[in-house]
Amino acid sequence: MTLAAASHGFLSPTGVEIAFLLVGLVTFGAAVVTVTTRQLVHAALWLVVALGGLAVEYLLLTAEFIAWVQVLIYVGAVVVLILFGLMLTRAPIGRSPDADSGNRWAALTVAVASAAALVWVVVDAFRTTWIDLDGPAAGSTAVTGASLFQNWVLPFEALSVLLLAALVGAIVLSRKAKAARAGEAPPAKTSPFGASSSGTSPSGASSSGTSQTGGVR
């Protein structure tokens, strides 16, 4: 087995590595469609695909706890919250021209700069980090739970407050829109002949016009 592991090289990838690459490509494509589509509901659904692809990547990296947390929190809670926000604010179901601000190049520049900064921070932070393969798995429930609720409990609680604020904001926006629609006066009805509907029928208007013509004659 040691000889087989030593003979394994870059040009002979394993099945797990091939699956990791393919799932990564699908996830990247779903993320691109999420930020380029003009249909808000479709963007939320493609976000489900992107986050689900990340969960599969975590499974392939033997981080099963992170994978299920990705599914339960992000796919099962965050995306559902986004869909509820779209429904509560009565967002358009079809294509929305307002979803494209026209600043695509500025957004692309910011995205590339953010990605480069994130990659640099991660590489610099884990440059000298070594994983003990003989110890407990790094992605197991015990190790991740202890690290989360001992070292990262404040960001965890801040995220829950952020999600609650997003839900409350969606409810407030929906109530304001409902109050604005209730305060609007009903539009005035007009007759087919252009006169306002003040109780005069079109037939009555034509008869009075006829009598006036008869009186002139």
N, C-alpha and C. Protein backbone atom coordinates (compact mmCIF):
# COMPACT_ATOMS: atom_id res chain seq x y z
N MET A 1 0.84 -1.20 0.00
CA MET A 1 0.00 0.00 0.00
C MET A 1 0.87 1.25 0.00
N THR A 2 1.99 1.18 0.73
CA THR A 2 2.91 2.31 0.75
C THR A 2 3.52 2.55 -0.62
N LEU A 3 3.85 1.44 -1.31
CA LEU A 3 4.40 1.57 -2.66
C LEU A 3 3.39 2.17 -3.62
N ALA A 4 2.12 1.75 -3.48
CA ALA A 4 1.08 2.31 -4.36
C ALA A 4 0.88 3.79 -4.08
N ALA A 5 0.96 4.18 -2.80
CA ALA A 5 0.80 5.60 -2.48
C ALA A 5 1.98 6.41 -2.98
N ALA A 6 3.20 5.80 -2.97
CA ALA A 6 4.36 6.53 -3.46
C ALA A 6 4.35 6.67 -4.96
N SER A 7 3.79 5.68 -5.65
CA SER A 7 3.75 5.75 -7.12
C SER A 7 2.64 6.66 -7.63
N HIS A 8 1.73 7.06 -6.75
CA HIS A 8 0.64 7.95 -7.17
C HIS A 8 1.19 9.36 -7.41
N GLY A 9 0.96 9.87 -8.58
CA GLY A 9 1.47 11.18 -8.94
C GLY A 9 0.39 12.12 -9.38
N PHE A 10 0.82 13.27 -9.91
CA PHE A 10 -0.12 14.31 -10.33
C PHE A 10 -0.90 13.88 -11.57
N LEU A 11 -0.27 13.11 -12.44
CA LEU A 11 -0.91 12.72 -13.70
C LEU A 11 -1.80 11.49 -13.55
N SER A 12 -1.90 10.92 -12.36
CA SER A 12 -2.77 9.77 -12.14
C SER A 12 -3.69 10.06 -10.96
N PRO A 13 -4.68 10.93 -11.16
CA PRO A 13 -5.56 11.32 -10.05
C PRO A 13 -6.49 10.17 -9.66
N THR A 14 -6.90 10.20 -8.43
CA THR A 14 -7.84 9.21 -7.92
C THR A 14 -9.27 9.61 -8.26
N GLY A 15 -10.20 8.71 -7.99
CA GLY A 15 -11.60 9.01 -8.25
C GLY A 15 -12.13 10.15 -7.41
N VAL A 16 -11.64 10.24 -6.16
CA VAL A 16 -12.07 11.34 -5.28
C VAL A 16 -11.60 12.68 -5.83
N GLU A 17 -10.39 12.73 -6.34
CA GLU A 17 -9.87 13.99 -6.88
C GLU A 17 -10.63 14.40 -8.14
N ILE A 18 -10.97 13.43 -8.98
CA ILE A 18 -11.75 13.75 -10.19
C ILE A 18 -13.14 14.25 -9.81
N ALA A 19 -13.78 13.58 -8.84
CA ALA A 19 -15.10 14.03 -8.38
C ALA A 19 -15.01 15.41 -7.76
N PHE A 20 -13.94 15.68 -7.01
CA PHE A 20 -13.76 17.00 -6.40
C PHE A 20 -13.66 18.09 -7.47
N LEU A 21 -12.94 17.80 -8.55
CA LEU A 21 -12.79 18.77 -9.64
C LEU A 21 -14.11 19.00 -10.37
N LEU A 22 -14.84 17.93 -10.66
CA LEU A 22 -16.10 18.07 -11.39
C LEU A 22 -17.14 18.83 -10.56
N VAL A 23 -17.24 18.48 -9.27
CA VAL A 23 -18.19 19.17 -8.41
C VAL A 23 -17.79 20.64 -8.26
N GLY A 24 -16.49 20.91 -8.22
CA GLY A 24 -16.04 22.30 -8.14
C GLY A 24 -16.43 23.10 -9.36
N LEU A 25 -16.34 22.49 -10.54
CA LEU A 25 -16.74 23.18 -11.77
C LEU A 25 -18.24 23.48 -11.78
N VAL A 26 -19.04 22.49 -11.33
CA VAL A 26 -20.49 22.71 -11.27
C VAL A 26 -20.82 23.81 -10.26
N THR A 27 -20.15 23.80 -9.13
CA THR A 27 -20.39 24.83 -8.11
C THR A 27 -20.01 26.21 -8.63
N PHE A 28 -18.89 26.28 -9.33
CA PHE A 28 -18.46 27.57 -9.89
C PHE A 28 -19.46 28.07 -10.93
N GLY A 29 -19.94 27.18 -11.79
CA GLY A 29 -20.93 27.58 -12.78
C GLY A 29 -22.23 28.05 -12.15
N ALA A 30 -22.68 27.37 -11.08
CA ALA A 30 -23.90 27.79 -10.39
C ALA A 30 -23.71 29.14 -9.72
N ALA A 31 -22.53 29.40 -9.18
CA ALA A 31 -22.26 30.69 -8.55
C ALA A 31 -22.27 31.81 -9.59
N VAL A 32 -21.71 31.55 -10.77
CA VAL A 32 -21.71 32.56 -11.83
C VAL A 32 -23.13 32.88 -12.29
N VAL A 33 -23.95 31.84 -12.47
CA VAL A 33 -25.34 32.06 -12.87
C VAL A 33 -26.11 32.81 -11.79
N THR A 34 -25.78 32.56 -10.52
CA THR A 34 -26.47 33.22 -9.41
C THR A 34 -26.30 34.74 -9.47
N VAL A 35 -25.10 35.19 -9.80
CA VAL A 35 -24.84 36.63 -9.80
C VAL A 35 -25.08 37.28 -11.16
N THR A 36 -25.39 36.51 -12.19
CA THR A 36 -25.61 37.09 -13.52
C THR A 36 -27.07 37.05 -13.96
N THR A 37 -27.89 36.18 -13.38
CA THR A 37 -29.28 36.11 -13.80
C THR A 37 -30.06 37.32 -13.33
N ARG A 38 -31.09 37.69 -14.07
CA ARG A 38 -31.94 38.83 -13.72
C ARG A 38 -33.23 38.41 -13.04
N GLN A 39 -33.42 37.13 -12.83
CA GLN A 39 -34.60 36.63 -12.12
C GLN A 39 -34.21 36.29 -10.70
N LEU A 40 -34.80 37.01 -9.74
CA LEU A 40 -34.39 36.89 -8.36
C LEU A 40 -34.66 35.49 -7.81
N VAL A 41 -35.78 34.91 -8.16
CA VAL A 41 -36.10 33.57 -7.66
C VAL A 41 -35.13 32.55 -8.23
N HIS A 42 -34.79 32.69 -9.51
CA HIS A 42 -33.81 31.78 -10.11
C HIS A 42 -32.45 31.94 -9.46
N ALA A 43 -32.10 33.17 -9.09
CA ALA A 43 -30.83 33.39 -8.40
C ALA A 43 -30.80 32.65 -7.07
N ALA A 44 -31.91 32.69 -6.34
CA ALA A 44 -31.96 31.97 -5.06
C ALA A 44 -31.86 30.47 -5.27
N LEU A 45 -32.50 29.95 -6.31
CA LEU A 45 -32.44 28.50 -6.56
C LEU A 45 -31.04 28.07 -7.02
N TRP A 46 -30.39 28.89 -7.84
CA TRP A 46 -29.02 28.56 -8.23
C TRP A 46 -28.07 28.67 -7.05
N LEU A 47 -28.40 29.53 -6.09
CA LEU A 47 -27.60 29.60 -4.87
C LEU A 47 -27.69 28.30 -4.08
N VAL A 48 -28.85 27.64 -4.14
CA VAL A 48 -28.99 26.32 -3.52
C VAL A 48 -28.02 25.33 -4.14
N VAL A 49 -27.90 25.36 -5.47
CA VAL A 49 -26.98 24.45 -6.16
C VAL A 49 -25.53 24.74 -5.76
N ALA A 50 -25.18 26.03 -5.69
CA ALA A 50 -23.81 26.39 -5.33
C ALA A 50 -23.47 25.96 -3.91
N LEU A 51 -24.37 26.21 -2.96
CA LEU A 51 -24.11 25.83 -1.58
C LEU A 51 -24.14 24.31 -1.41
N GLY A 52 -25.01 23.63 -2.16
CA GLY A 52 -25.01 22.17 -2.12
C GLY A 52 -23.72 21.58 -2.68
N GLY A 53 -23.18 22.21 -3.72
CA GLY A 53 -21.89 21.76 -4.25
C GLY A 53 -20.77 21.91 -3.23
N LEU A 54 -20.80 23.00 -2.46
CA LEU A 54 -19.80 23.17 -1.40
C LEU A 54 -19.94 22.08 -0.34
N ALA A 55 -21.17 21.70 -0.03
CA ALA A 55 -21.37 20.62 0.94
C ALA A 55 -20.78 19.30 0.43
N VAL A 56 -20.94 19.03 -0.85
CA VAL A 56 -20.34 17.81 -1.42
C VAL A 56 -18.82 17.89 -1.37
N GLU A 57 -18.26 19.06 -1.61
CA GLU A 57 -16.82 19.22 -1.52
C GLU A 57 -16.32 18.93 -0.10
N TYR A 58 -17.06 19.39 0.90
CA TYR A 58 -16.68 19.11 2.29
C TYR A 58 -16.75 17.60 2.57
N LEU A 59 -17.74 16.92 2.01
CA LEU A 59 -17.82 15.48 2.20
C LEU A 59 -16.63 14.77 1.57
N LEU A 60 -16.24 15.22 0.40
CA LEU A 60 -15.07 14.62 -0.25
C LEU A 60 -13.79 14.88 0.52
N LEU A 61 -13.76 15.95 1.30
CA LEU A 61 -12.60 16.25 2.14
C LEU A 61 -12.70 15.60 3.53
N THR A 62 -13.69 14.69 3.70
CA THR A 62 -13.93 13.97 4.96
C THR A 62 -14.26 14.91 6.11
N ALA A 63 -14.86 16.04 5.82
CA ALA A 63 -15.34 16.97 6.86
C ALA A 63 -16.86 16.86 6.89
N GLU A 64 -17.34 15.73 7.45
CA GLU A 64 -18.78 15.45 7.37
C GLU A 64 -19.60 16.42 8.21
N PHE A 65 -19.07 16.86 9.34
CA PHE A 65 -19.83 17.80 10.18
C PHE A 65 -20.03 19.13 9.47
N ILE A 66 -18.96 19.65 8.87
CA ILE A 66 -19.08 20.92 8.13
C ILE A 66 -20.03 20.76 6.95
N ALA A 67 -20.02 19.60 6.31
CA ALA A 67 -20.91 19.37 5.17
C ALA A 67 -22.37 19.42 5.59
N TRP A 68 -22.72 18.76 6.70
CA TRP A 68 -24.12 18.76 7.12
C TRP A 68 -24.53 20.11 7.68
N VAL A 69 -23.61 20.82 8.32
CA VAL A 69 -23.92 22.18 8.76
C VAL A 69 -24.17 23.08 7.56
N GLN A 70 -23.40 22.88 6.49
CA GLN A 70 -23.61 23.64 5.26
C GLN A 70 -25.01 23.41 4.72
N VAL A 71 -25.47 22.17 4.75
CA VAL A 71 -26.80 21.85 4.23
C VAL A 71 -27.88 22.39 5.15
N LEU A 72 -27.73 22.17 6.46
CA LEU A 72 -28.80 22.56 7.39
C LEU A 72 -28.93 24.07 7.53
N ILE A 73 -27.80 24.76 7.65
CA ILE A 73 -27.85 26.20 7.93
C ILE A 73 -27.98 27.01 6.65
N TYR A 74 -27.08 26.78 5.69
CA TYR A 74 -27.07 27.64 4.51
C TYR A 74 -28.16 27.25 3.51
N VAL A 75 -28.23 25.97 3.16
CA VAL A 75 -29.25 25.55 2.19
C VAL A 75 -30.62 25.52 2.82
N GLY A 76 -30.73 25.00 4.05
CA GLY A 76 -32.04 24.83 4.67
C GLY A 76 -32.55 26.05 5.41
N ALA A 77 -31.69 27.00 5.73
CA ALA A 77 -32.13 28.16 6.50
C ALA A 77 -31.91 29.47 5.75
N VAL A 78 -30.70 29.71 5.28
CA VAL A 78 -30.40 31.00 4.65
C VAL A 78 -31.17 31.16 3.34
N VAL A 79 -31.14 30.12 2.49
CA VAL A 79 -31.84 30.22 1.20
C VAL A 79 -33.35 30.30 1.42
N VAL A 80 -33.88 29.53 2.38
CA VAL A 80 -35.31 29.62 2.68
C VAL A 80 -35.65 31.02 3.20
N LEU A 81 -34.77 31.61 4.00
CA LEU A 81 -34.99 32.98 4.47
C LEU A 81 -35.00 33.96 3.31
N ILE A 82 -34.10 33.77 2.34
CA ILE A 82 -34.08 34.64 1.17
C ILE A 82 -35.38 34.51 0.38
N LEU A 83 -35.85 33.29 0.18
CA LEU A 83 -37.10 33.08 -0.56
C LEU A 83 -38.28 33.70 0.18
N PHE A 84 -38.33 33.56 1.51
CA PHE A 84 -39.39 34.20 2.28
C PHE A 84 -39.30 35.72 2.16
N GLY A 85 -38.07 36.26 2.16
CA GLY A 85 -37.92 37.70 1.98
C GLY A 85 -38.41 38.16 0.62
N LEU A 86 -38.15 37.38 -0.42
CA LEU A 86 -38.64 37.73 -1.76
C LEU A 86 -40.16 37.69 -1.81
N MET A 87 -40.76 36.71 -1.14
CA MET A 87 -42.22 36.62 -1.16
C MET A 87 -42.85 37.71 -0.31
N LEU A 88 -42.26 38.02 0.83
CA LEU A 88 -42.85 39.05 1.69
C LEU A 88 -42.75 40.44 1.08
N THR A 89 -41.68 40.71 0.35
CA THR A 89 -41.53 42.01 -0.30
C THR A 89 -42.15 42.05 -1.69
N ARG A 90 -42.81 40.96 -2.08
CA ARG A 90 -43.50 40.89 -3.37
C ARG A 90 -42.55 41.21 -4.53
N ALA A 91 -41.40 40.53 -4.52
CA ALA A 91 -40.44 40.72 -5.61
C ALA A 91 -41.00 40.12 -6.90
N PRO A 92 -40.64 40.68 -8.05
CA PRO A 92 -41.14 40.14 -9.32
C PRO A 92 -40.62 38.74 -9.56
N ILE A 93 -41.50 37.88 -10.09
CA ILE A 93 -41.13 36.50 -10.33
C ILE A 93 -40.32 36.38 -11.62
N GLY A 94 -40.67 37.15 -12.63
CA GLY A 94 -39.99 37.07 -13.91
C GLY A 94 -38.71 37.88 -13.94
N ARG A 95 -38.31 38.28 -15.15
CA ARG A 95 -37.09 39.06 -15.32
C ARG A 95 -37.28 40.46 -14.74
N SER A 96 -36.29 40.89 -14.01
CA SER A 96 -36.35 42.19 -13.35
C SER A 96 -35.22 43.07 -13.90
N PRO A 97 -35.55 44.13 -14.63
CA PRO A 97 -34.48 45.00 -15.15
C PRO A 97 -33.73 45.73 -14.04
N ASP A 98 -34.34 45.88 -12.87
CA ASP A 98 -33.68 46.57 -11.76
C ASP A 98 -32.59 45.72 -11.12
N ALA A 99 -32.56 44.40 -11.43
CA ALA A 99 -31.56 43.53 -10.82
C ALA A 99 -30.17 43.74 -11.41
N ASP A 100 -30.07 44.45 -12.51
CA ASP A 100 -28.79 44.72 -13.15
C ASP A 100 -28.53 46.22 -13.07
N SER A 101 -27.53 46.59 -12.28
CA SER A 101 -27.23 48.01 -12.09
C SER A 101 -26.39 48.59 -13.22
N GLY A 102 -25.80 47.75 -14.06
CA GLY A 102 -24.96 48.23 -15.13
C GLY A 102 -23.50 48.40 -14.77
N ASN A 103 -23.15 48.24 -13.49
CA ASN A 103 -21.75 48.37 -13.05
C ASN A 103 -21.07 47.00 -13.00
N ARG A 104 -21.13 46.30 -14.11
CA ARG A 104 -20.58 44.94 -14.11
C ARG A 104 -19.07 44.93 -13.97
N TRP A 105 -18.39 45.87 -14.63
CA TRP A 105 -16.93 45.88 -14.57
C TRP A 105 -16.45 46.25 -13.18
N ALA A 106 -17.13 47.19 -12.54
CA ALA A 106 -16.76 47.54 -11.17
C ALA A 106 -17.00 46.37 -10.23
N ALA A 107 -18.14 45.68 -10.41
CA ALA A 107 -18.43 44.52 -9.57
C ALA A 107 -17.42 43.40 -9.81
N LEU A 108 -17.04 43.19 -11.07
CA LEU A 108 -16.05 42.16 -11.38
C LEU A 108 -14.69 42.50 -10.77
N THR A 109 -14.32 43.77 -10.82
CA THR A 109 -13.05 44.17 -10.22
C THR A 109 -13.04 43.94 -8.71
N VAL A 110 -14.14 44.31 -8.06
CA VAL A 110 -14.23 44.10 -6.61
C VAL A 110 -14.22 42.61 -6.27
N ALA A 111 -14.91 41.80 -7.08
CA ALA A 111 -14.96 40.36 -6.82
C ALA A 111 -13.58 39.73 -6.97
N VAL A 112 -12.85 40.10 -8.04
CA VAL A 112 -11.50 39.54 -8.24
C VAL A 112 -10.56 39.98 -7.12
N ALA A 113 -10.64 41.25 -6.73
CA ALA A 113 -9.78 41.73 -5.64
C ALA A 113 -10.12 41.03 -4.33
N SER A 114 -11.40 40.82 -4.06
CA SER A 114 -11.79 40.14 -2.83
C SER A 114 -11.34 38.68 -2.84
N ALA A 115 -11.48 38.02 -3.98
CA ALA A 115 -11.03 36.63 -4.08
C ALA A 115 -9.52 36.51 -3.89
N ALA A 116 -8.77 37.43 -4.51
CA ALA A 116 -7.31 37.40 -4.35
C ALA A 116 -6.91 37.65 -2.90
N ALA A 117 -7.56 38.60 -2.23
CA ALA A 117 -7.25 38.86 -0.82
C ALA A 117 -7.60 37.67 0.05
N LEU A 118 -8.74 37.01 -0.23
CA LEU A 118 -9.14 35.85 0.56
C LEU A 118 -8.16 34.70 0.38
N VAL A 119 -7.75 34.45 -0.87
CA VAL A 119 -6.77 33.37 -1.11
C VAL A 119 -5.45 33.68 -0.43
N TRP A 120 -5.02 34.93 -0.49
CA TRP A 120 -3.75 35.29 0.14
C TRP A 120 -3.82 35.12 1.66
N VAL A 121 -4.95 35.52 2.27
CA VAL A 121 -5.09 35.39 3.72
C VAL A 121 -5.10 33.92 4.14
N VAL A 122 -5.83 33.09 3.40
CA VAL A 122 -5.90 31.66 3.75
C VAL A 122 -4.55 30.98 3.59
N VAL A 123 -3.87 31.27 2.47
CA VAL A 123 -2.56 30.65 2.25
C VAL A 123 -1.55 31.12 3.29
N ASP A 124 -1.56 32.40 3.62
CA ASP A 124 -0.62 32.92 4.60
C ASP A 124 -0.92 32.38 6.00
N ALA A 125 -2.20 32.18 6.32
CA ALA A 125 -2.56 31.70 7.66
C ALA A 125 -2.23 30.23 7.86
N PHE A 126 -2.36 29.43 6.81
CA PHE A 126 -2.14 27.99 6.93
C PHE A 126 -0.86 27.53 6.24
N ARG A 127 0.07 28.45 6.04
CA ARG A 127 1.30 28.09 5.34
C ARG A 127 2.12 27.08 6.17
N THR A 128 2.18 27.27 7.46
CA THR A 128 2.98 26.40 8.33
C THR A 128 2.12 25.48 9.18
N THR A 129 0.86 25.29 8.79
CA THR A 129 -0.04 24.44 9.56
C THR A 129 0.04 23.01 9.05
N TRP A 130 0.19 22.08 9.98
CA TRP A 130 0.28 20.66 9.63
C TRP A 130 -0.85 19.91 10.33
N ILE A 131 -1.41 18.95 9.63
CA ILE A 131 -2.51 18.16 10.16
C ILE A 131 -1.96 16.82 10.61
N ASP A 132 -2.27 16.45 11.85
CA ASP A 132 -1.83 15.17 12.38
C ASP A 132 -2.77 14.08 11.89
N LEU A 133 -2.30 13.28 10.95
CA LEU A 133 -3.15 12.24 10.37
C LEU A 133 -3.43 11.11 11.35
N ASP A 134 -2.56 10.95 12.35
CA ASP A 134 -2.78 9.89 13.34
C ASP A 134 -3.74 10.31 14.45
N GLY A 135 -4.02 11.59 14.56
CA GLY A 135 -4.92 12.09 15.60
C GLY A 135 -6.37 12.06 15.14
N PRO A 136 -7.27 12.70 15.88
CA PRO A 136 -8.68 12.74 15.48
C PRO A 136 -8.87 13.52 14.19
N ALA A 137 -9.88 13.15 13.46
CA ALA A 137 -10.14 13.80 12.17
C ALA A 137 -10.42 15.29 12.39
N ALA A 138 -9.86 16.11 11.50
CA ALA A 138 -10.00 17.56 11.67
C ALA A 138 -11.43 18.02 11.44
N GLY A 139 -12.20 17.30 10.64
CA GLY A 139 -13.58 17.70 10.36
C GLY A 139 -14.61 16.92 11.14
N SER A 140 -14.22 16.23 12.20
CA SER A 140 -15.18 15.45 12.97
C SER A 140 -16.07 16.36 13.82
N THR A 141 -17.13 15.79 14.35
CA THR A 141 -18.08 16.57 15.14
C THR A 141 -17.46 17.08 16.44
N ALA A 142 -16.68 16.24 17.10
CA ALA A 142 -16.11 16.62 18.40
C ALA A 142 -15.11 17.77 18.25
N VAL A 143 -14.20 17.64 17.29
CA VAL A 143 -13.18 18.68 17.10
C VAL A 143 -13.80 19.99 16.63
N THR A 144 -14.70 19.91 15.65
CA THR A 144 -15.31 21.14 15.12
C THR A 144 -16.22 21.80 16.15
N GLY A 145 -16.99 21.01 16.90
CA GLY A 145 -17.86 21.57 17.92
C GLY A 145 -17.09 22.26 19.03
N ALA A 146 -15.99 21.64 19.46
CA ALA A 146 -15.17 22.26 20.50
C ALA A 146 -14.55 23.57 20.01
N SER A 147 -14.07 23.60 18.77
CA SER A 147 -13.47 24.82 18.23
C SER A 147 -14.51 25.90 18.01
N LEU A 148 -15.72 25.50 17.61
CA LEU A 148 -16.77 26.48 17.30
C LEU A 148 -17.28 27.15 18.56
N PHE A 149 -17.56 26.37 19.60
CA PHE A 149 -18.19 26.93 20.80
C PHE A 149 -17.18 27.36 21.86
N GLN A 150 -15.90 27.23 21.56
CA GLN A 150 -14.87 27.74 22.46
C GLN A 150 -14.16 28.96 21.89
N ASN A 151 -13.81 28.90 20.61
CA ASN A 151 -13.02 29.97 19.99
C ASN A 151 -13.84 30.88 19.09
N TRP A 152 -14.94 30.39 18.52
CA TRP A 152 -15.69 31.16 17.52
C TRP A 152 -17.14 31.34 17.93
N VAL A 153 -17.42 31.40 19.24
CA VAL A 153 -18.80 31.51 19.67
C VAL A 153 -19.37 32.89 19.37
N LEU A 154 -18.54 33.96 19.45
CA LEU A 154 -19.03 35.31 19.18
C LEU A 154 -19.45 35.49 17.71
N PRO A 155 -18.63 35.09 16.72
CA PRO A 155 -19.11 35.17 15.32
C PRO A 155 -20.34 34.31 15.08
N PHE A 156 -20.43 33.18 15.76
CA PHE A 156 -21.60 32.30 15.59
C PHE A 156 -22.87 33.01 16.05
N GLU A 157 -22.82 33.66 17.20
CA GLU A 157 -23.99 34.38 17.69
C GLU A 157 -24.26 35.63 16.85
N ALA A 158 -23.22 36.27 16.35
CA ALA A 158 -23.42 37.45 15.49
C ALA A 158 -24.14 37.06 14.20
N LEU A 159 -23.83 35.88 13.68
CA LEU A 159 -24.51 35.42 12.46
C LEU A 159 -25.99 35.17 12.73
N SER A 160 -26.33 34.61 13.89
CA SER A 160 -27.73 34.38 14.20
C SER A 160 -28.49 35.70 14.35
N VAL A 161 -27.85 36.72 14.94
CA VAL A 161 -28.48 38.03 15.06
C VAL A 161 -28.67 38.66 13.68
N LEU A 162 -27.70 38.46 12.78
CA LEU A 162 -27.82 39.00 11.43
C LEU A 162 -28.99 38.38 10.68
N LEU A 163 -29.17 37.08 10.80
CA LEU A 163 -30.29 36.41 10.14
C LEU A 163 -31.63 36.88 10.72
N LEU A 164 -31.68 37.07 12.03
CA LEU A 164 -32.91 37.58 12.65
C LEU A 164 -33.21 39.00 12.17
N ALA A 165 -32.18 39.84 12.04
CA ALA A 165 -32.39 41.21 11.56
C ALA A 165 -32.89 41.21 10.12
N ALA A 166 -32.39 40.29 9.30
CA ALA A 166 -32.86 40.21 7.91
C ALA A 166 -34.33 39.82 7.85
N LEU A 167 -34.74 38.89 8.69
CA LEU A 167 -36.15 38.48 8.71
C LEU A 167 -37.05 39.61 9.19
N VAL A 168 -36.64 40.31 10.25
CA VAL A 168 -37.44 41.43 10.75
C VAL A 168 -37.51 42.55 9.71
N GLY A 169 -36.41 42.81 9.00
CA GLY A 169 -36.43 43.83 7.95
C GLY A 169 -37.38 43.49 6.83
N ALA A 170 -37.43 42.22 6.44
CA ALA A 170 -38.37 41.80 5.39
C ALA A 170 -39.81 41.99 5.84
N ILE A 171 -40.11 41.68 7.10
CA ILE A 171 -41.47 41.86 7.61
C ILE A 171 -41.84 43.34 7.65
N VAL A 172 -40.91 44.20 8.08
CA VAL A 172 -41.18 45.65 8.14
C VAL A 172 -41.43 46.21 6.75
N LEU A 173 -40.63 45.80 5.77
CA LEU A 173 -40.84 46.29 4.41
C LEU A 173 -42.18 45.85 3.84
N SER A 174 -42.58 44.63 4.12
CA SER A 174 -43.88 44.16 3.62
C SER A 174 -45.04 44.91 4.27
N ARG A 175 -44.93 45.24 5.57
CA ARG A 175 -46.01 45.97 6.24
C ARG A 175 -46.10 47.41 5.72
N LYS A 176 -44.95 48.05 5.42
CA LYS A 176 -44.98 49.40 4.87
C LYS A 176 -45.64 49.42 3.50
N ALA A 177 -45.32 48.41 2.67
CA ALA A 177 -45.93 48.36 1.34
C ALA A 177 -47.43 48.14 1.45
N LYS A 178 -47.87 47.31 2.41
CA LYS A 178 -49.30 47.08 2.58
C LYS A 178 -50.01 48.33 3.06
N ALA A 179 -49.39 49.08 3.99
CA ALA A 179 -50.00 50.32 4.47
C ALA A 179 -50.07 51.37 3.36
N ALA A 180 -49.07 51.43 2.51
CA ALA A 180 -49.08 52.39 1.40
C ALA A 180 -50.18 52.07 0.41
N ARG A 181 -50.39 50.78 0.13
CA ARG A 181 -51.47 50.40 -0.79
C ARG A 181 -52.84 50.68 -0.18
N ALA A 182 -52.97 50.50 1.15
CA ALA A 182 -54.26 50.76 1.79
C ALA A 182 -54.59 52.25 1.82
N GLY A 183 -53.57 53.13 1.87
CA GLY A 183 -53.80 54.56 1.94
C GLY A 183 -54.06 55.21 0.60
N GLU A 184 -53.85 54.50 -0.48
CA GLU A 184 -54.07 55.07 -1.80
C GLU A 184 -55.57 55.18 -2.07
N ALA A 185 -56.00 56.31 -2.68
CA ALA A 185 -57.41 56.51 -3.04
C ALA A 185 -57.72 55.70 -4.29
N PRO A 186 -58.94 55.19 -4.40
CA PRO A 186 -59.29 54.45 -5.61
C PRO A 186 -59.31 55.37 -6.82
N PRO A 187 -58.87 54.91 -7.96
CA PRO A 187 -58.84 55.77 -9.16
C PRO A 187 -60.24 56.12 -9.63
N ALA A 188 -60.39 57.33 -10.20
CA ALA A 188 -61.68 57.79 -10.71
C ALA A 188 -62.04 57.04 -11.98
N LYS A 189 -63.28 56.62 -12.04
CA LYS A 189 -63.75 55.89 -13.21
C LYS A 189 -64.14 56.86 -14.32
N THR A 190 -63.81 56.51 -15.52
CA THR A 190 -64.14 57.35 -16.68
C THR A 190 -65.00 56.56 -17.63
N SER A 191 -65.86 57.26 -18.31
CA SER A 191 -66.74 56.62 -19.28
C SER A 191 -66.01 56.45 -20.60
N PRO A 192 -66.53 55.62 -21.47
CA PRO A 192 -65.87 55.45 -22.78
C PRO A 192 -65.79 56.71 -23.60
N PHE A 193 -66.64 57.75 -23.27
CA PHE A 193 -66.66 58.98 -24.04
C PHE A 193 -65.76 60.06 -23.44
N GLY A 194 -64.97 59.67 -22.36
CA GLY A 194 -64.02 60.62 -21.79
C GLY A 194 -64.56 61.41 -20.64
N ALA A 195 -65.86 61.39 -20.35
CA ALA A 195 -66.44 62.15 -19.24
C ALA A 195 -66.31 61.33 -17.97
N SER A 196 -66.19 62.00 -16.84
CA SER A 196 -66.09 61.30 -15.57
C SER A 196 -67.44 60.71 -15.21
N SER A 197 -67.41 59.59 -14.47
CA SER A 197 -68.65 58.89 -14.15
C SER A 197 -69.31 59.53 -12.94
N SER A 198 -69.96 60.66 -13.12
CA SER A 198 -70.62 61.38 -12.04
C SER A 198 -72.12 61.12 -12.01
N GLY A 199 -72.52 59.98 -12.52
CA GLY A 199 -73.93 59.63 -12.53
C GLY A 199 -74.62 59.88 -13.86
N THR A 200 -73.97 60.52 -14.82
CA THR A 200 -74.55 60.80 -16.13
C THR A 200 -74.23 59.66 -17.05
N SER A 201 -75.17 59.03 -17.61
CA SER A 201 -74.96 57.90 -18.51
C SER A 201 -74.65 58.42 -19.90
N PRO A 202 -73.97 57.61 -20.70
CA PRO A 202 -73.68 58.05 -22.08
C PRO A 202 -74.92 58.30 -22.89
N SER A 203 -75.97 57.50 -22.60
CA SER A 203 -77.20 57.72 -23.38
C SER A 203 -77.84 59.06 -23.03
N GLY A 204 -77.78 59.42 -21.72
CA GLY A 204 -78.33 60.70 -21.32
C GLY A 204 -77.57 61.86 -21.92
N ALA A 205 -76.25 61.73 -22.03
CA ALA A 205 -75.45 62.80 -22.63
C ALA A 205 -75.79 62.97 -24.09
N SER A 206 -75.99 61.89 -24.80
CA SER A 206 -76.31 61.99 -26.23
C SER A 206 -77.71 62.55 -26.44
N SER A 207 -78.66 62.21 -25.54
CA SER A 207 -80.01 62.72 -25.72
C SER A 207 -80.07 64.22 -25.47
N SER A 208 -79.30 64.68 -24.42
CA SER A 208 -79.30 66.13 -24.16
C SER A 208 -78.66 66.87 -25.31
N GLY A 209 -77.62 66.28 -25.89
CA GLY A 209 -77.00 66.93 -27.04
C GLY A 209 -77.96 67.03 -28.20
N THR A 210 -78.79 66.03 -28.36
CA THR A 210 -79.77 66.03 -29.45
C THR A 210 -80.84 67.09 -29.22
N SER A 211 -81.29 67.21 -27.97
CA SER A 211 -82.33 68.21 -27.70
C SER A 211 -81.80 69.62 -27.88
N GLN A 212 -80.55 69.85 -27.49
CA GLN A 212 -79.99 71.18 -27.70
C GLN A 212 -79.88 71.48 -29.17
N THR A 213 -79.51 70.52 -29.95
CA THR A 213 -79.44 70.74 -31.40
C THR A 213 -80.80 71.04 -31.99
N GLY A 214 -81.82 70.31 -31.44
CA GLY A 214 -83.18 70.55 -31.93
C GLY A 214 -83.65 71.96 -31.57
N GLY A 215 -83.27 72.47 -30.39
CA GLY A 215 -83.68 73.79 -29.98
C GLY A 215 -83.03 74.87 -30.83
N VAL A 216 -81.79 74.67 -31.24
CA VAL A 216 -81.11 75.65 -32.09
C VAL A 216 -81.77 75.73 -33.41
N ARG A 217 -82.14 74.54 -33.94
CA ARG A 217 -82.81 74.55 -35.23
C ARG A 217 -84.16 75.27 -35.10
